Amino acid sequence: MGLTKSEMGGNNKNRQEDHKMEKTPENVEIAVLGGVGFNSYQEFESRLVSTPYGEVTVYLTTVKGKKVVVIPRHAGENHIPPHRINYRANIWAVYSIGAKRVISTNSVGSMRGHPVGSFVVLNDFIDFTRNRPSTFYDDRTVHVDVSEPYCPEIRIALRDALEKQGLPYTEGIYACTEGPRFETRAEIRMMSQFADVVGMTGVPEVSLAKELSLCYASLAIITNQACGMTTQKLTADEVTEVVGKAQNAIFEIISDTIENIPETRNCRCRFAKDGACL
C-alpha cells in the first residue's frame, strides 16, 4: 500500500501540528479499512496521503451516493503482517482526508463455535498486543474514553444490513493478539473466558480512532475455529479462502451500511476526548 515505516522517534506534537491543516478537497464521509483478502479497492482512484507517521495510499470511490475512502491494511509490495501495520498512519490518513466514520472489516477465529463464514458485529475488545504504538500522544497524557469503543450508530447500520441480506450474525467481544503467529491452545482457553472471537488487527485501530473522535465499528468474519476448538491445523490459506468467498457479501453489507448511516452524528464518539487530557 505504499506505507513507510512508522516513525518511532521525534516530537509527535510538532509532526501532528505540521499536518493538522493538511486536508484533501474530496469531502469524504466514510472510510473503510479492509483486512486479509480485501481487494474491492483495486479499480478505485488512488491517492497518496502524507501523515506525521508516513505516507498512506488511499482509494477513493462513491458508494450509495456517499464519498468513501478505502484503506487496505495489508497491501504493499509484500503482504504487511499485522504487527507491522502502520496503524497510526492509517487512522491519521482517515482524519486528514476528512472522514468522520470508519467501518472496519476483520478476519477472526471463533472461541464460541460460530459457523465459519458467519459474521460478528463487535461490541467490545480486550487488548493482548505488546509492541505496537497505540497512541498519538507520546508527549502528553490523554486518557481517552473507550467505555463504548464501537460506534452504536454504525453498529445499528451493520446489523440492519446483515438482516437485510439474511446473513447469520452475532455480537461479541474481540480479543486482539500481537501475531503474526496463531495463538496457542492455552492462550485460547484463557482468552475464551473473556472474549468471543480472536484476531490480530483490530487494536490499536479502534482506540486510535477514539483519540481523534472518529466513529469506528467493526464487521468481523469467522474464518476458522480458534486453536484447540477442533483437531485441525490452523492455516493462513483457510483465512484467505473464506474471506475470498465472502467478498461479494461483504461488499453488499458495507454498501448497505454506508447507505443507512445517519448523515448527522448523534453518538458520543465525537466527545471521546472531552476531559481526557491532563
Protein backbone atom coordinates (compact mmCIF):
# COMPACT_ATOMS: atom_id res chain seq x y z
CA MET A 1 0.00 0.00 0.00
CA GLY A 2 3.00 2.29 -0.08
CA LEU A 3 3.26 2.64 3.70
CA THR A 4 6.52 3.87 5.11
CA LYS A 5 7.96 2.56 8.34
CA SER A 6 6.30 4.09 11.40
CA GLU A 7 8.36 6.89 12.88
CA MET A 8 9.07 5.98 16.47
CA GLY A 9 11.19 8.95 17.49
CA GLY A 10 10.95 12.73 17.32
CA ASN A 11 8.33 15.09 18.59
CA ASN A 12 4.86 13.77 17.74
CA LYS A 13 3.21 17.05 18.72
CA ASN A 14 5.24 19.02 16.20
CA ARG A 15 4.66 16.44 13.47
CA GLN A 16 0.91 16.50 14.14
CA GLU A 17 0.79 20.30 14.05
CA ASP A 18 2.66 20.29 10.74
CA HIS A 19 -0.06 18.08 9.24
CA LYS A 20 -3.07 19.40 11.17
CA MET A 21 -4.38 21.62 8.39
CA GLU A 22 -3.49 19.29 5.56
CA LYS A 23 -6.92 18.33 4.22
CA THR A 24 -7.94 16.90 0.88
CA PRO A 25 -10.79 18.50 -1.08
CA GLU A 26 -12.92 15.40 -1.64
CA ASN A 27 -15.29 15.88 1.32
CA VAL A 28 -15.05 12.16 2.09
CA GLU A 29 -17.69 10.98 4.55
CA ILE A 30 -16.75 7.39 5.41
CA ALA A 31 -13.59 5.28 5.49
CA VAL A 32 -13.45 1.51 5.02
CA LEU A 33 -10.45 -0.35 6.44
CA GLY A 34 -10.09 -3.76 4.81
CA GLY A 35 -8.25 -6.83 6.02
CA VAL A 36 -6.97 -10.09 4.55
CA GLY A 37 -8.32 -10.81 1.08
CA PHE A 38 -9.97 -7.40 0.82
CA ASN A 39 -9.48 -6.42 -2.82
CA SER A 40 -12.58 -4.43 -3.77
CA TYR A 41 -10.50 -1.25 -3.96
CA GLN A 42 -8.30 -2.19 -6.92
CA GLU A 43 -10.26 -0.29 -9.58
CA PHE A 44 -10.73 2.87 -7.50
CA GLU A 45 -8.83 6.14 -7.87
CA SER A 46 -5.70 6.07 -5.72
CA ARG A 47 -4.13 8.95 -3.85
CA LEU A 48 -1.08 9.27 -1.60
CA VAL A 49 -1.83 10.91 1.76
CA SER A 50 1.00 12.30 3.87
CA THR A 51 0.73 11.86 7.66
CA PRO A 52 3.07 12.52 10.60
CA TYR A 53 3.73 8.76 10.66
CA GLY A 54 4.35 8.04 7.00
CA GLU A 55 2.54 8.03 3.68
CA VAL A 56 -0.63 6.02 3.04
CA THR A 57 -2.14 5.11 -0.30
CA VAL A 58 -5.91 5.53 -0.14
CA TYR A 59 -8.54 4.65 -2.73
CA LEU A 60 -11.46 6.97 -3.46
CA THR A 61 -14.89 5.90 -4.65
CA THR A 62 -18.60 6.64 -4.26
CA VAL A 63 -20.98 4.18 -2.60
CA LYS A 64 -24.74 4.78 -2.49
CA GLY A 65 -24.14 8.46 -3.23
CA LYS A 66 -21.59 8.93 -0.44
CA LYS A 67 -17.90 9.61 -0.93
CA VAL A 68 -15.83 6.82 0.56
CA VAL A 69 -12.12 6.20 1.07
CA VAL A 70 -10.79 2.63 1.23
CA ILE A 71 -7.55 1.70 3.00
CA PRO A 72 -6.39 -1.93 2.68
CA ARG A 73 -4.31 -2.65 5.78
CA HIS A 74 -2.06 -5.32 4.37
CA ALA A 75 -1.46 -4.01 0.85
CA GLY A 76 2.10 -3.21 -0.22
CA GLU A 77 4.93 -4.72 -2.19
CA ASN A 78 4.52 -7.66 0.15
CA HIS A 79 1.65 -8.56 2.45
CA ILE A 80 2.19 -6.41 5.56
CA PRO A 81 1.92 -8.61 8.70
CA PRO A 82 -0.42 -7.47 11.48
CA HIS A 83 2.31 -6.45 13.93
CA ARG A 84 3.94 -4.23 11.27
CA ILE A 85 0.86 -2.37 10.00
CA ASN A 86 1.25 1.38 10.37
CA TYR A 87 -1.96 1.84 12.35
CA ARG A 88 -1.27 5.44 13.32
CA ALA A 89 -0.63 6.45 9.72
CA ASN A 90 -3.81 4.73 8.54
CA ILE A 91 -6.08 6.34 11.13
CA TRP A 92 -4.42 9.74 10.73
CA ALA A 93 -4.99 9.45 6.97
CA VAL A 94 -8.70 8.91 7.63
CA TYR A 95 -8.74 12.02 9.83
CA SER A 96 -6.66 14.03 7.37
CA ILE A 97 -8.91 13.26 4.43
CA GLY A 98 -11.94 14.44 6.39
CA ALA A 99 -13.87 11.23 7.07
CA LYS A 100 -15.65 11.07 10.43
CA ARG A 101 -16.80 7.43 10.31
CA VAL A 102 -14.77 4.25 9.94
CA ILE A 103 -16.07 0.80 9.02
CA SER A 104 -13.51 -1.92 9.65
CA THR A 105 -13.54 -5.49 8.37
CA ASN A 106 -11.61 -8.10 10.34
CA SER A 107 -10.92 -11.81 9.92
CA VAL A 108 -11.32 -13.65 13.22
CA GLY A 109 -11.19 -17.08 14.78
CA SER A 110 -14.13 -18.21 16.86
CA MET A 111 -13.85 -19.23 20.51
CA ARG A 112 -17.62 -19.92 20.67
CA GLY A 113 -18.13 -22.33 17.79
CA HIS A 114 -19.58 -19.77 15.38
CA PRO A 115 -20.06 -21.23 11.87
CA VAL A 116 -17.19 -20.44 9.50
CA GLY A 117 -18.31 -17.69 7.13
CA SER A 118 -20.73 -16.12 9.62
CA PHE A 119 -20.37 -12.56 10.91
CA VAL A 120 -19.86 -10.89 14.27
CA VAL A 121 -20.60 -7.23 15.00
CA LEU A 122 -18.04 -6.33 17.66
CA ASN A 123 -19.23 -4.58 20.83
CA ASP A 124 -16.07 -4.55 22.99
CA PHE A 125 -12.42 -5.57 22.91
CA ILE A 126 -9.54 -6.87 25.02
CA ASP A 127 -6.00 -5.87 24.07
CA PHE A 128 -3.29 -8.55 24.21
CA THR A 129 -0.89 -6.75 21.87
CA ARG A 130 2.58 -5.85 23.14
CA ASN A 131 4.80 -3.88 20.76
CA ARG A 132 2.51 -1.62 18.72
CA PRO A 133 2.43 2.17 19.05
CA SER A 134 -1.05 2.60 20.48
CA THR A 135 -1.50 6.36 20.90
CA PHE A 136 -0.96 9.61 19.05
CA TYR A 137 0.04 11.27 22.33
CA ASP A 138 3.53 10.15 23.31
CA ASP A 139 4.42 13.57 24.76
CA ARG A 140 1.32 14.21 26.87
CA THR A 141 -1.21 12.26 28.91
CA VAL A 142 -4.56 11.59 27.24
CA HIS A 143 -6.91 9.08 28.90
CA VAL A 144 -9.40 8.64 26.07
CA ASP A 145 -12.80 7.14 26.94
CA VAL A 146 -13.41 3.65 25.47
CA SER A 147 -16.44 2.67 27.55
CA GLU A 148 -18.24 2.30 24.21
CA PRO A 149 -15.39 1.54 21.79
CA TYR A 150 -17.54 0.74 18.76
CA CYS A 151 -19.90 3.39 17.43
CA PRO A 152 -23.54 2.47 18.23
CA GLU A 153 -24.85 4.20 15.11
CA ILE A 154 -22.59 2.26 12.76
CA ARG A 155 -23.27 -0.97 14.67
CA ILE A 156 -27.01 -0.50 14.16
CA ALA A 157 -26.43 0.12 10.45
CA LEU A 158 -24.27 -3.04 10.25
CA ARG A 159 -26.94 -5.16 11.97
CA ASP A 160 -29.65 -3.78 9.68
CA ALA A 161 -27.51 -4.55 6.61
CA LEU A 162 -26.88 -8.12 7.77
CA GLU A 163 -30.57 -8.67 8.45
CA LYS A 164 -31.47 -7.24 5.04
CA GLN A 165 -29.10 -9.74 3.40
CA GLY A 166 -30.45 -12.58 5.55
CA LEU A 167 -26.96 -13.38 6.81
CA PRO A 168 -26.31 -15.04 10.19
CA TYR A 169 -24.53 -12.88 12.74
CA THR A 170 -24.00 -12.40 16.44
CA GLU A 171 -22.46 -9.68 18.57
CA GLY A 172 -19.38 -10.24 20.67
CA ILE A 173 -16.14 -9.29 22.35
CA TYR A 174 -12.92 -9.22 20.33
CA ALA A 175 -9.54 -10.29 21.70
CA CYS A 176 -6.60 -8.85 19.78
CA THR A 177 -3.25 -10.64 19.86
CA GLU A 178 0.14 -9.47 18.63
CA GLY A 179 0.69 -12.06 15.91
CA PRO A 180 1.88 -12.93 13.41
CA ARG A 181 1.72 -16.49 14.77
CA PHE A 182 -1.61 -18.08 15.63
CA GLU A 183 -2.49 -18.43 19.29
CA THR A 184 -1.72 -21.49 21.42
CA ARG A 185 -4.35 -23.79 22.90
CA ALA A 186 -3.58 -22.42 26.36
CA GLU A 187 -3.95 -18.83 25.17
CA ILE A 188 -7.33 -19.63 23.62
CA ARG A 189 -8.52 -21.35 26.81
CA MET A 190 -7.55 -18.24 28.76
CA MET A 191 -9.00 -15.70 26.30
CA SER A 192 -12.23 -17.65 25.81
CA GLN A 193 -13.13 -16.83 29.41
CA PHE A 194 -13.41 -13.17 28.46
CA ALA A 195 -13.92 -12.88 24.69
CA ASP A 196 -15.83 -14.50 21.83
CA VAL A 197 -13.51 -14.10 18.84
CA VAL A 198 -9.80 -13.52 18.33
CA GLY A 199 -7.88 -11.58 15.69
CA MET A 200 -4.72 -9.57 15.12
CA THR A 201 -5.63 -6.22 13.52
CA GLY A 202 -8.47 -4.52 15.42
CA VAL A 203 -6.24 -2.92 18.08
CA PRO A 204 -4.89 -0.24 18.33
CA GLU A 205 -7.00 0.85 15.37
CA VAL A 206 -10.17 1.28 17.44
CA SER A 207 -8.54 3.28 20.25
CA LEU A 208 -6.61 5.48 17.81
CA ALA A 209 -9.92 6.35 16.15
CA LYS A 210 -11.26 7.33 19.58
CA GLU A 211 -8.29 9.66 20.13
CA LEU A 212 -9.32 11.56 17.01
CA SER A 213 -13.02 11.49 17.99
CA LEU A 214 -13.93 9.35 15.00
CA CYS A 215 -16.83 6.91 14.85
CA TYR A 216 -15.49 3.37 14.41
CA ALA A 217 -17.17 -0.04 14.16
CA SER A 218 -16.07 -3.44 13.00
CA LEU A 219 -17.60 -6.23 10.96
CA ALA A 220 -15.77 -9.48 11.76
CA ILE A 221 -16.00 -12.60 9.63
CA ILE A 222 -15.37 -16.03 11.13
CA THR A 223 -12.60 -17.66 9.07
CA ASN A 224 -11.74 -20.57 11.35
CA GLN A 225 -12.24 -22.12 14.76
CA ALA A 226 -9.56 -20.91 17.16
CA CYS A 227 -6.70 -23.18 18.18
CA GLY A 228 -7.87 -26.14 20.26
CA MET A 229 -11.52 -25.74 19.28
CA THR A 230 -11.04 -28.51 16.70
CA THR A 231 -8.31 -31.03 15.95
CA GLN A 232 -7.45 -29.38 12.63
CA LYS A 233 -4.28 -27.42 11.99
CA LEU A 234 -4.74 -23.66 11.52
CA THR A 235 -3.50 -22.22 8.23
CA ALA A 236 -3.40 -18.78 6.62
CA ASP A 237 -4.76 -20.35 3.43
CA GLU A 238 -8.13 -21.10 5.00
CA VAL A 239 -8.42 -17.49 6.17
CA THR A 240 -7.82 -16.18 2.65
CA GLU A 241 -10.18 -18.76 1.16
CA VAL A 242 -13.10 -17.94 3.45
CA VAL A 243 -12.73 -14.18 3.00
CA GLY A 244 -12.36 -14.59 -0.76
CA LYS A 245 -15.65 -16.47 -0.98
CA ALA A 246 -17.37 -13.81 1.13
CA GLN A 247 -16.16 -10.79 -0.86
CA ASN A 248 -19.48 -10.15 -2.59
CA ALA A 249 -21.42 -10.50 0.65
CA ILE A 250 -19.00 -8.19 2.48
CA PHE A 251 -19.31 -5.58 -0.26
CA GLU A 252 -23.13 -5.67 -0.07
CA ILE A 253 -23.08 -5.42 3.74
CA ILE A 254 -20.70 -2.47 3.66
CA SER A 255 -22.70 -0.77 0.89
CA ASP A 256 -25.99 -1.10 2.77
CA THR A 257 -24.32 0.04 5.99
CA ILE A 258 -22.94 3.15 4.30
CA GLU A 259 -26.42 3.93 2.93
CA ASN A 260 -28.06 3.54 6.35
CA ILE A 261 -25.62 5.53 8.48
CA PRO A 262 -27.31 8.78 9.61
CA GLU A 263 -25.94 11.91 7.96
CA THR A 264 -25.51 13.66 11.31
CA ARG A 265 -23.52 12.09 14.13
CA ASN A 266 -25.67 11.84 17.26
CA CYS A 267 -23.48 9.35 19.13
CA ARG A 268 -20.98 10.06 21.90
CA CYS A 269 -17.94 9.17 19.76
CA ARG A 270 -17.33 12.83 18.94
CA PHE A 271 -16.87 13.53 22.66
CA ALA A 272 -14.46 10.66 23.38
CA LYS A 273 -11.56 13.00 24.16
CA ASP A 274 -13.53 15.52 26.23
CA GLY A 275 -12.00 15.73 29.70
CA ALA A 276 -9.29 13.22 28.76
CA CYS A 277 -6.25 15.48 28.66
CA LEU A 278 -4.05 16.19 31.69
